[in-house]
């Protein structure tokens, strides 16, 4: 194989850092009324994106959209709220249609919506298993399919980012349902990266570790401290740590990154 000299190669493109990395991009972030999703919405909006906040919690979602618009709107909506049930394909299709009606296009999907219903295998009910599967796995499928169809119709590429988890890679006690969904998300990410990559649509996943969210705030101190102790960096992750990973993967700085699962976990090792 012929190796060209550096002089003959195309000079690298300089990508502006920290300002306007998502300028004029339209991004849907599911489950974004609070927690990691809300922080991601704020982060994307600060970087110039038009953000669609979607959740089953309309009150919090509308509050966040108002907060973003008051800070960043400049006379135009930087964010809107749209309700969605990701487990319902019709609801997801309506979300995509309403997004395009409002902003004219769709460039980025962050499949962030997720739930837990933990129990040991011998005690887990069908309802607990099915509920988590419907939101965390079928919901990602529904949103990914609808977003891909829109991006393909536009013909200008796009980015799909999926919320996996280290639990989907390593397993965790009492989380048969949750771990199964996140392992499935990893598999879908790799399949979609192969299918959609030739059309310029990049698909990646982020696998958070122990992150401080409204859910972890309810943890007993003993459990919280144990998780921090298992993390080599000796702290819990922050929602901003995950949002920063989504931001990098969504932007041009990651233009040759496709089909990866990025761990954002401080090096944690989950035990039993």
C-alpha atoms as a PDB file:
ATOM      1  CA  UNK A   1       0.000   0.000   0.000  1.00  0.00           C
ATOM      2  CA  UNK A   2       1.328   3.409  -0.942  1.00  0.00           C
ATOM      3  CA  UNK A   3       1.879   5.779   1.970  1.00  0.00           C
ATOM      4  CA  UNK A   4       1.588   9.400   0.914  1.00  0.00           C
ATOM      5  CA  UNK A   5       3.808  12.028   2.414  1.00  0.00           C
ATOM      6  CA  UNK A   6       2.350  14.420   4.963  1.00  0.00           C
ATOM      7  CA  UNK A   7       2.695  17.275   2.450  1.00  0.00           C
ATOM      8  CA  UNK A   8       0.448  15.448   0.005  1.00  0.00           C
ATOM      9  CA  UNK A   9      -2.203  14.659   2.593  1.00  0.00           C
ATOM     10  CA  UNK A  10      -5.174  16.881   3.257  1.00  0.00           C
ATOM     11  CA  UNK A  11      -4.545  19.298   6.118  1.00  0.00           C
ATOM     12  CA  UNK A  12      -6.618  18.543   9.213  1.00  0.00           C
ATOM     13  CA  UNK A  13      -9.746  20.602   9.789  1.00  0.00           C
ATOM     14  CA  UNK A  14      -9.668  22.636  12.966  1.00  0.00           C
ATOM     15  CA  UNK A  15     -12.880  22.188  14.930  1.00  0.00           C
ATOM     16  CA  UNK A  16     -13.734  25.001  17.349  1.00  0.00           C
ATOM     17  CA  UNK A  17     -13.826  23.707  20.896  1.00  0.00           C
ATOM     18  CA  UNK A  18     -16.233  24.613  23.681  1.00  0.00           C
ATOM     19  CA  UNK A  19     -18.370  27.041  21.678  1.00  0.00           C
ATOM     20  CA  UNK A  20     -21.190  26.286  19.295  1.00  0.00           C
ATOM     21  CA  UNK A  21     -20.220  22.681  18.709  1.00  0.00           C
ATOM     22  CA  UNK A  22     -23.851  21.839  17.932  1.00  0.00           C
ATOM     23  CA  UNK A  23     -24.837  25.125  16.325  1.00  0.00           C
ATOM     24  CA  UNK A  24     -28.142  24.884  14.433  1.00  0.00           C
ATOM     25  CA  UNK A  25     -28.416  21.152  15.083  1.00  0.00           C
ATOM     26  CA  UNK A  26     -31.796  19.793  16.203  1.00  0.00           C
ATOM     27  CA  UNK A  27     -31.597  17.250  19.009  1.00  0.00           C
ATOM     28  CA  UNK A  28     -34.231  15.060  20.645  1.00  0.00           C
ATOM     29  CA  UNK A  29     -33.349  13.870  24.151  1.00  0.00           C
ATOM     30  CA  UNK A  30     -35.747  11.346  25.656  1.00  0.00           C
ATOM     31  CA  UNK A  31     -36.303  11.196  29.394  1.00  0.00           C
ATOM     32  CA  UNK A  32     -34.918  14.705  29.676  1.00  0.00           C
ATOM     33  CA  UNK A  33     -37.155  16.325  32.294  1.00  0.00           C
ATOM     34  CA  UNK A  34     -34.571  15.694  35.011  1.00  0.00           C
ATOM     35  CA  UNK A  35     -31.314  13.949  35.849  1.00  0.00           C
ATOM     36  CA  UNK A  36     -28.801  13.084  33.142  1.00  0.00           C
ATOM     37  CA  UNK A  37     -31.291  13.903  30.395  1.00  0.00           C
ATOM     38  CA  UNK A  38     -31.958  17.418  31.715  1.00  0.00           C
ATOM     39  CA  UNK A  39     -28.246  18.127  32.098  1.00  0.00           C
ATOM     40  CA  UNK A  40     -27.666  16.893  28.558  1.00  0.00           C
ATOM     41  CA  UNK A  41     -30.423  19.152  27.247  1.00  0.00           C
ATOM     42  CA  UNK A  42     -28.869  22.179  28.974  1.00  0.00           C
ATOM     43  CA  UNK A  43     -25.405  21.249  27.681  1.00  0.00           C
ATOM     44  CA  UNK A  44     -26.574  20.810  24.092  1.00  0.00           C
ATOM     45  CA  UNK A  45     -28.515  24.088  24.195  1.00  0.00           C
ATOM     46  CA  UNK A  46     -25.446  25.953  25.460  1.00  0.00           C
ATOM     47  CA  UNK A  47     -23.572  24.571  22.455  1.00  0.00           C
ATOM     48  CA  UNK A  48     -26.120  25.971  20.020  1.00  0.00           C
ATOM     49  CA  UNK A  49     -28.516  23.068  19.498  1.00  0.00           C
ATOM     50  CA  UNK A  50     -32.280  23.391  19.278  1.00  0.00           C
ATOM     51  CA  UNK A  51     -33.387  20.885  21.878  1.00  0.00           C
ATOM     52  CA  UNK A  52     -36.556  18.828  22.112  1.00  0.00           C
ATOM     53  CA  UNK A  53     -37.158  17.861  25.716  1.00  0.00           C
ATOM     54  CA  UNK A  54     -39.446  14.849  25.842  1.00  0.00           C
ATOM     55  CA  UNK A  55     -40.674  12.927  28.844  1.00  0.00           C
ATOM     56  CA  UNK A  56     -43.786  11.594  30.530  1.00  0.00           C
ATOM     57  CA  UNK A  57     -43.363  14.300  33.180  1.00  0.00           C
ATOM     58  CA  UNK A  58     -44.843  17.303  31.406  1.00  0.00           C
ATOM     59  CA  UNK A  59     -44.545  19.680  34.358  1.00  0.00           C
ATOM     60  CA  UNK A  60     -40.793  19.281  34.793  1.00  0.00           C
ATOM     61  CA  UNK A  61     -40.216  19.124  31.047  1.00  0.00           C
ATOM     62  CA  UNK A  62     -42.009  22.416  30.412  1.00  0.00           C
ATOM     63  CA  UNK A  63     -40.133  24.057  33.285  1.00  0.00           C
ATOM     64  CA  UNK A  64     -36.799  23.025  31.788  1.00  0.00           C
ATOM     65  CA  UNK A  65     -37.759  24.270  28.322  1.00  0.00           C
ATOM     66  CA  UNK A  66     -38.756  27.617  29.807  1.00  0.00           C
ATOM     67  CA  UNK A  67     -35.484  27.806  31.738  1.00  0.00           C
ATOM     68  CA  UNK A  68     -33.447  27.170  28.582  1.00  0.00           C
ATOM     69  CA  UNK A  69     -35.426  29.652  26.502  1.00  0.00           C
ATOM     70  CA  UNK A  70     -35.134  32.380  29.110  1.00  0.00           C
ATOM     71  CA  UNK A  71     -31.369  31.914  29.189  1.00  0.00           C
ATOM     72  CA  UNK A  72     -30.576  31.139  25.566  1.00  0.00           C
ATOM     73  CA  UNK A  73     -33.612  31.748  23.377  1.00  0.00           C
ATOM     74  CA  UNK A  74     -32.632  35.145  21.892  1.00  0.00           C
ATOM     75  CA  UNK A  75     -36.151  35.534  20.536  1.00  0.00           C
ATOM     76  CA  UNK A  76     -36.244  32.042  19.010  1.00  0.00           C
ATOM     77  CA  UNK A  77     -37.078  28.830  20.861  1.00  0.00           C
ATOM     78  CA  UNK A  78     -33.885  27.086  21.939  1.00  0.00           C
ATOM     79  CA  UNK A  79     -35.975  24.316  23.474  1.00  0.00           C
ATOM     80  CA  UNK A  80     -39.485  22.918  23.342  1.00  0.00           C
ATOM     81  CA  UNK A  81     -41.215  20.251  25.368  1.00  0.00           C
ATOM     82  CA  UNK A  82     -43.051  17.379  23.713  1.00  0.00           C
ATOM     83  CA  UNK A  83     -44.684  14.523  25.634  1.00  0.00           C
ATOM     84  CA  UNK A  84     -43.778  10.989  24.651  1.00  0.00           C
ATOM     85  CA  UNK A  85     -44.206   7.418  25.781  1.00  0.00           C
ATOM     86  CA  UNK A  86     -41.186   5.727  24.227  1.00  0.00           C
ATOM     87  CA  UNK A  87     -42.772   2.280  24.616  1.00  0.00           C
ATOM     88  CA  UNK A  88     -45.571   3.349  22.252  1.00  0.00           C
ATOM     89  CA  UNK A  89     -44.553   3.446  18.606  1.00  0.00           C
ATOM     90  CA  UNK A  90     -47.357   5.830  17.643  1.00  0.00           C
ATOM     91  CA  UNK A  91     -46.320   8.258  20.379  1.00  0.00           C
ATOM     92  CA  UNK A  92     -42.728   8.168  19.134  1.00  0.00           C
ATOM     93  CA  UNK A  93     -43.773   8.733  15.515  1.00  0.00           C
ATOM     94  CA  UNK A  94     -45.770  11.758  16.633  1.00  0.00           C
ATOM     95  CA  UNK A  95     -42.718  13.060  18.504  1.00  0.00           C
ATOM     96  CA  UNK A  96     -40.616  12.929  15.344  1.00  0.00           C
ATOM     97  CA  UNK A  97     -43.349  14.536  13.245  1.00  0.00           C
ATOM     98  CA  UNK A  98     -43.847  17.368  15.753  1.00  0.00           C
ATOM     99  CA  UNK A  99     -40.102  17.951  15.976  1.00  0.00           C
ATOM    100  CA  UNK A 100     -39.786  18.290  12.213  1.00  0.00           C
ATOM    101  CA  UNK A 101     -42.866  20.533  12.107  1.00  0.00           C
ATOM    102  CA  UNK A 102     -41.288  22.855  14.693  1.00  0.00           C
ATOM    103  CA  UNK A 103     -37.635  22.838  13.613  1.00  0.00           C
ATOM    104  CA  UNK A 104     -37.679  21.480  10.073  1.00  0.00           C
ATOM    105  CA  UNK A 105     -35.287  18.575  10.631  1.00  0.00           C
ATOM    106  CA  UNK A 106     -33.702  16.123  13.078  1.00  0.00           C
ATOM    107  CA  UNK A 107     -29.932  15.778  13.483  1.00  0.00           C
ATOM    108  CA  UNK A 108     -29.359  14.087  16.853  1.00  0.00           C
ATOM    109  CA  UNK A 109     -31.264  11.575  18.958  1.00  0.00           C
ATOM    110  CA  UNK A 110     -30.203  10.786  22.510  1.00  0.00           C
ATOM    111  CA  UNK A 111     -32.020   7.677  23.717  1.00  0.00           C
ATOM    112  CA  UNK A 112     -31.761   8.546  27.399  1.00  0.00           C
ATOM    113  CA  UNK A 113     -35.143   7.429  28.821  1.00  0.00           C
ATOM    114  CA  UNK A 114     -34.864   4.513  31.237  1.00  0.00           C
ATOM    115  CA  UNK A 115     -36.335   2.942  34.365  1.00  0.00           C
ATOM    116  CA  UNK A 116     -35.429   0.367  37.002  1.00  0.00           C
ATOM    117  CA  UNK A 117     -37.498  -2.222  38.854  1.00  0.00           C
ATOM    118  CA  UNK A 118     -34.881  -4.185  40.793  1.00  0.00           C
ATOM    119  CA  UNK A 119     -35.435  -7.611  42.342  1.00  0.00           C
ATOM    120  CA  UNK A 120     -33.567 -10.871  42.624  1.00  0.00           C
ATOM    121  CA  UNK A 121     -34.393 -13.450  39.951  1.00  0.00           C
ATOM    122  CA  UNK A 122     -36.434 -15.663  42.281  1.00  0.00           C
ATOM    123  CA  UNK A 123     -38.668 -12.718  43.255  1.00  0.00           C
ATOM    124  CA  UNK A 124     -38.892 -10.679  40.066  1.00  0.00           C
ATOM    125  CA  UNK A 125     -42.430 -10.469  38.699  1.00  0.00           C
ATOM    126  CA  UNK A 126     -43.524 -10.547  35.078  1.00  0.00           C
ATOM    127  CA  UNK A 127     -44.745  -6.981  35.462  1.00  0.00           C
ATOM    128  CA  UNK A 128     -41.352  -5.783  36.743  1.00  0.00           C
ATOM    129  CA  UNK A 129     -39.533  -7.533  33.925  1.00  0.00           C
ATOM    130  CA  UNK A 130     -41.877  -6.412  31.150  1.00  0.00           C
ATOM    131  CA  UNK A 131     -42.036  -2.769  32.281  1.00  0.00           C
ATOM    132  CA  UNK A 132     -38.259  -2.337  32.141  1.00  0.00           C
ATOM    133  CA  UNK A 133     -38.017  -4.182  28.823  1.00  0.00           C
ATOM    134  CA  UNK A 134     -40.736  -1.990  27.288  1.00  0.00           C
ATOM    135  CA  UNK A 135     -39.089   1.308  28.260  1.00  0.00           C
ATOM    136  CA  UNK A 136     -35.377   0.549  28.165  1.00  0.00           C
ATOM    137  CA  UNK A 137     -35.207  -1.780  25.168  1.00  0.00           C
ATOM    138  CA  UNK A 138     -38.337  -1.448  23.046  1.00  0.00           C
ATOM    139  CA  UNK A 139     -38.314   2.297  23.708  1.00  0.00           C
ATOM    140  CA  UNK A 140     -34.785   2.605  22.314  1.00  0.00           C
ATOM    141  CA  UNK A 141     -35.836   0.537  19.304  1.00  0.00           C
ATOM    142  CA  UNK A 142     -38.941   2.663  18.680  1.00  0.00           C
ATOM    143  CA  UNK A 143     -37.044   5.949  18.891  1.00  0.00           C
ATOM    144  CA  UNK A 144     -34.028   4.712  16.958  1.00  0.00           C
ATOM    145  CA  UNK A 145     -36.153   3.388  14.108  1.00  0.00           C
ATOM    146  CA  UNK A 146     -38.244   6.552  13.798  1.00  0.00           C
ATOM    147  CA  UNK A 147     -35.218   8.846  14.029  1.00  0.00           C
ATOM    148  CA  UNK A 148     -33.276   6.808  11.467  1.00  0.00           C
ATOM    149  CA  UNK A 149     -36.170   6.983   9.017  1.00  0.00           C
ATOM    150  CA  UNK A 150     -36.258  10.779   9.327  1.00  0.00           C
ATOM    151  CA  UNK A 151     -32.484  11.146   9.025  1.00  0.00           C
ATOM    152  CA  UNK A 152     -32.390   8.878   5.981  1.00  0.00           C
ATOM    153  CA  UNK A 153     -35.179  10.900   4.361  1.00  0.00           C
ATOM    154  CA  UNK A 154     -33.162  14.089   4.938  1.00  0.00           C
ATOM    155  CA  UNK A 155     -30.111  12.480   3.345  1.00  0.00           C
ATOM    156  CA  UNK A 156     -27.620  14.506   5.369  1.00  0.00           C
ATOM    157  CA  UNK A 157     -26.468  12.008   7.990  1.00  0.00           C
ATOM    158  CA  UNK A 158     -27.083  12.299  11.706  1.00  0.00           C
ATOM    159  CA  UNK A 159     -26.187  10.956  15.125  1.00  0.00           C
ATOM    160  CA  UNK A 160     -27.965   8.431  17.349  1.00  0.00           C
ATOM    161  CA  UNK A 161     -26.687   8.048  20.907  1.00  0.00           C
ATOM    162  CA  UNK A 162     -27.971   5.297  23.186  1.00  0.00           C
ATOM    163  CA  UNK A 163     -27.880   5.104  26.968  1.00  0.00           C
ATOM    164  CA  UNK A 164     -26.288   1.789  27.861  1.00  0.00           C
ATOM    165  CA  UNK A 165     -24.802   1.050  31.294  1.00  0.00           C
ATOM    166  CA  UNK A 166     -21.861  -0.761  32.797  1.00  0.00           C
ATOM    167  CA  UNK A 167     -24.531  -3.095  34.182  1.00  0.00           C
ATOM    168  CA  UNK A 168     -25.180  -4.198  30.608  1.00  0.00           C
ATOM    169  CA  UNK A 169     -21.478  -4.994  30.217  1.00  0.00           C
ATOM    170  CA  UNK A 170     -20.655  -6.452  33.630  1.00  0.00           C
ATOM    171  CA  UNK A 171     -24.005  -7.497  35.129  1.00  0.00           C
ATOM    172  CA  UNK A 172     -25.236  -6.580  38.588  1.00  0.00           C
ATOM    173  CA  UNK A 173     -26.946  -8.315  41.465  1.00  0.00           C
ATOM    174  CA  UNK A 174     -30.734  -7.956  41.414  1.00  0.00           C
ATOM    175  CA  UNK A 175     -30.951  -6.397  37.968  1.00  0.00           C
ATOM    176  CA  UNK A 176     -31.850  -9.200  35.556  1.00  0.00           C
ATOM    177  CA  UNK A 177     -34.309  -6.970  33.722  1.00  0.00           C
ATOM    178  CA  UNK A 178     -32.203  -3.802  33.651  1.00  0.00           C
ATOM    179  CA  UNK A 179     -28.955  -5.562  32.700  1.00  0.00           C
ATOM    180  CA  UNK A 180     -30.724  -7.424  29.913  1.00  0.00           C
ATOM    181  CA  UNK A 181     -32.050  -4.202  28.414  1.00  0.00           C
ATOM    182  CA  UNK A 182     -28.700  -2.459  28.558  1.00  0.00           C
ATOM    183  CA  UNK A 183     -26.906  -5.432  27.000  1.00  0.00           C
ATOM    184  CA  UNK A 184     -29.536  -5.313  24.277  1.00  0.00           C
ATOM    185  CA  UNK A 185     -28.899  -1.593  23.775  1.00  0.00           C
ATOM    186  CA  UNK A 186     -25.198  -2.331  23.268  1.00  0.00           C
ATOM    187  CA  UNK A 187     -26.067  -4.934  20.640  1.00  0.00           C
ATOM    188  CA  UNK A 188     -28.500  -2.625  18.843  1.00  0.00           C
ATOM    189  CA  UNK A 189     -25.895   0.134  18.839  1.00  0.00           C
ATOM    190  CA  UNK A 190     -23.404  -2.079  17.033  1.00  0.00           C
ATOM    191  CA  UNK A 191     -25.980  -3.326  14.525  1.00  0.00           C
ATOM    192  CA  UNK A 192     -27.232   0.171  13.733  1.00  0.00           C
ATOM    193  CA  UNK A 193     -23.683   1.462  13.351  1.00  0.00           C
ATOM    194  CA  UNK A 194     -23.157  -1.117  10.607  1.00  0.00           C
ATOM    195  CA  UNK A 195     -26.496  -0.515   8.908  1.00  0.00           C
ATOM    196  CA  UNK A 196     -26.588   3.280   9.075  1.00  0.00           C
ATOM    197  CA  UNK A 197     -22.903   4.169   8.865  1.00  0.00           C
ATOM    198  CA  UNK A 198     -22.810   3.970   5.052  1.00  0.00           C
ATOM    199  CA  UNK A 199     -25.528   6.648   5.028  1.00  0.00           C
ATOM    200  CA  UNK A 200     -23.514   8.979   7.247  1.00  0.00           C
ATOM    201  CA  UNK A 201     -25.462   8.264  10.432  1.00  0.00           C
ATOM    202  CA  UNK A 202     -23.176   7.529  13.364  1.00  0.00           C
ATOM    203  CA  UNK A 203     -24.489   5.384  16.228  1.00  0.00           C
ATOM    204  CA  UNK A 204     -22.726   5.125  19.578  1.00  0.00           C
ATOM    205  CA  UNK A 205     -23.567   4.363  23.181  1.00  0.00           C
ATOM    206  CA  UNK A 206     -22.528   5.725  26.564  1.00  0.00           C
ATOM    207  CA  UNK A 207     -22.266   3.344  29.513  1.00  0.00           C
ATOM    208  CA  UNK A 208     -22.431   5.316  32.775  1.00  0.00           C
ATOM    209  CA  UNK A 209     -21.251   3.901  36.058  1.00  0.00           C
ATOM    210  CA  UNK A 210     -22.361   5.164  39.456  1.00  0.00           C
ATOM    211  CA  UNK A 211     -23.817   8.610  38.729  1.00  0.00           C
ATOM    212  CA  UNK A 212     -25.501  10.962  41.199  1.00  0.00           C
ATOM    213  CA  UNK A 213     -29.120  11.415  40.108  1.00  0.00           C
ATOM    214  CA  UNK A 214     -32.477  11.900  41.856  1.00  0.00           C
ATOM    215  CA  UNK A 215     -32.649   8.087  42.085  1.00  0.00           C
ATOM    216  CA  UNK A 216     -29.302   7.677  43.848  1.00  0.00           C
ATOM    217  CA  UNK A 217     -30.277  10.422  46.301  1.00  0.00           C
ATOM    218  CA  UNK A 218     -32.670   7.897  47.844  1.00  0.00           C
ATOM    219  CA  UNK A 219     -29.896   5.362  48.466  1.00  0.00           C
ATOM    220  CA  UNK A 220     -28.923   4.434  52.038  1.00  0.00           C
ATOM    221  CA  UNK A 221     -25.586   5.993  52.999  1.00  0.00           C
ATOM    222  CA  UNK A 222     -24.034   2.531  53.367  1.00  0.00           C
ATOM    223  CA  UNK A 223     -24.833   1.571  49.775  1.00  0.00           C
ATOM    224  CA  UNK A 224     -23.760   4.969  48.409  1.00  0.00           C
ATOM    225  CA  UNK A 225     -20.411   4.810  50.208  1.00  0.00           C
ATOM    226  CA  UNK A 226     -19.846   1.243  49.022  1.00  0.00           C
ATOM    227  CA  UNK A 227     -20.313   2.288  45.391  1.00  0.00           C
ATOM    228  CA  UNK A 228     -17.902   5.190  45.795  1.00  0.00           C
ATOM    229  CA  UNK A 229     -15.365   2.850  47.395  1.00  0.00           C
ATOM    230  CA  UNK A 230     -15.559   0.552  44.378  1.00  0.00           C
ATOM    231  CA  UNK A 231     -14.808   3.457  42.056  1.00  0.00           C
ATOM    232  CA  UNK A 232     -11.044   4.020  41.691  1.00  0.00           C
ATOM    233  CA  UNK A 233     -11.548   7.773  41.339  1.00  0.00           C
ATOM    234  CA  UNK A 234     -13.292   7.635  44.743  1.00  0.00           C
ATOM    235  CA  UNK A 235     -16.276   9.735  43.829  1.00  0.00           C
ATOM    236  CA  UNK A 236     -19.654   9.320  42.242  1.00  0.00           C
ATOM    237  CA  UNK A 237     -20.027  10.557  38.716  1.00  0.00           C
ATOM    238  CA  UNK A 238     -22.037  13.682  37.995  1.00  0.00           C
ATOM    239  CA  UNK A 239     -24.729  14.074  35.379  1.00  0.00           C
ATOM    240  CA  UNK A 240     -22.447  16.579  33.654  1.00  0.00           C
ATOM    241  CA  UNK A 241     -19.814  13.856  33.180  1.00  0.00           C
ATOM    242  CA  UNK A 242     -22.282  11.857  31.109  1.00  0.00           C
ATOM    243  CA  UNK A 243     -23.618  14.919  29.292  1.00  0.00           C
ATOM    244  CA  UNK A 244     -20.062  15.808  28.282  1.00  0.00           C
ATOM    245  CA  UNK A 245     -19.643  12.354  26.756  1.00  0.00           C
ATOM    246  CA  UNK A 246     -22.864  12.749  24.789  1.00  0.00           C
ATOM    247  CA  UNK A 247     -21.745  16.198  23.641  1.00  0.00           C
ATOM    248  CA  UNK A 248     -18.427  14.922  22.324  1.00  0.00           C
ATOM    249  CA  UNK A 249     -20.015  11.974  20.539  1.00  0.00           C
ATOM    250  CA  UNK A 250     -22.686  14.218  19.010  1.00  0.00           C
ATOM    251  CA  UNK A 251     -20.211  16.730  17.603  1.00  0.00           C
ATOM    252  CA  UNK A 252     -17.794  16.841  14.705  1.00  0.00           C
ATOM    253  CA  UNK A 253     -14.855  16.061  16.970  1.00  0.00           C
ATOM    254  CA  UNK A 254     -16.138  12.445  17.010  1.00  0.00           C
ATOM    255  CA  UNK A 255     -16.846  12.307  13.274  1.00  0.00           C
ATOM    256  CA  UNK A 256     -14.895   9.028  12.862  1.00  0.00           C
ATOM    257  CA  UNK A 257     -16.338   7.361  15.962  1.00  0.00           C
ATOM    258  CA  UNK A 258     -19.030   4.797  15.183  1.00  0.00           C
ATOM    259  CA  UNK A 259     -20.293   1.688  16.964  1.00  0.00           C
ATOM    260  CA  UNK A 260     -18.480   2.294  20.257  1.00  0.00           C
ATOM    261  CA  UNK A 261     -19.639   1.945  23.854  1.00  0.00           C
ATOM    262  CA  UNK A 262     -17.970   4.676  25.895  1.00  0.00           C
ATOM    263  CA  UNK A 263     -17.703   3.856  29.593  1.00  0.00           C
ATOM    264  CA  UNK A 264     -18.143   6.866  31.866  1.00  0.00           C
ATOM    265  CA  UNK A 265     -17.621   5.085  35.157  1.00  0.00           C
ATOM    266  CA  UNK A 266     -14.473   6.247  36.954  1.00  0.00           C
ATOM    267  CA  UNK A 267     -13.042   2.754  36.469  1.00  0.00           C
ATOM    268  CA  UNK A 268     -15.614   1.054  38.681  1.00  0.00           C
ATOM    269  CA  UNK A 269     -15.657  -2.695  39.131  1.00  0.00           C
ATOM    270  CA  UNK A 270     -19.052  -4.054  40.118  1.00  0.00           C
ATOM    271  CA  UNK A 271     -19.030  -6.919  42.593  1.00  0.00           C
ATOM    272  CA  UNK A 272     -21.708  -9.107  44.135  1.00  0.00           C
END
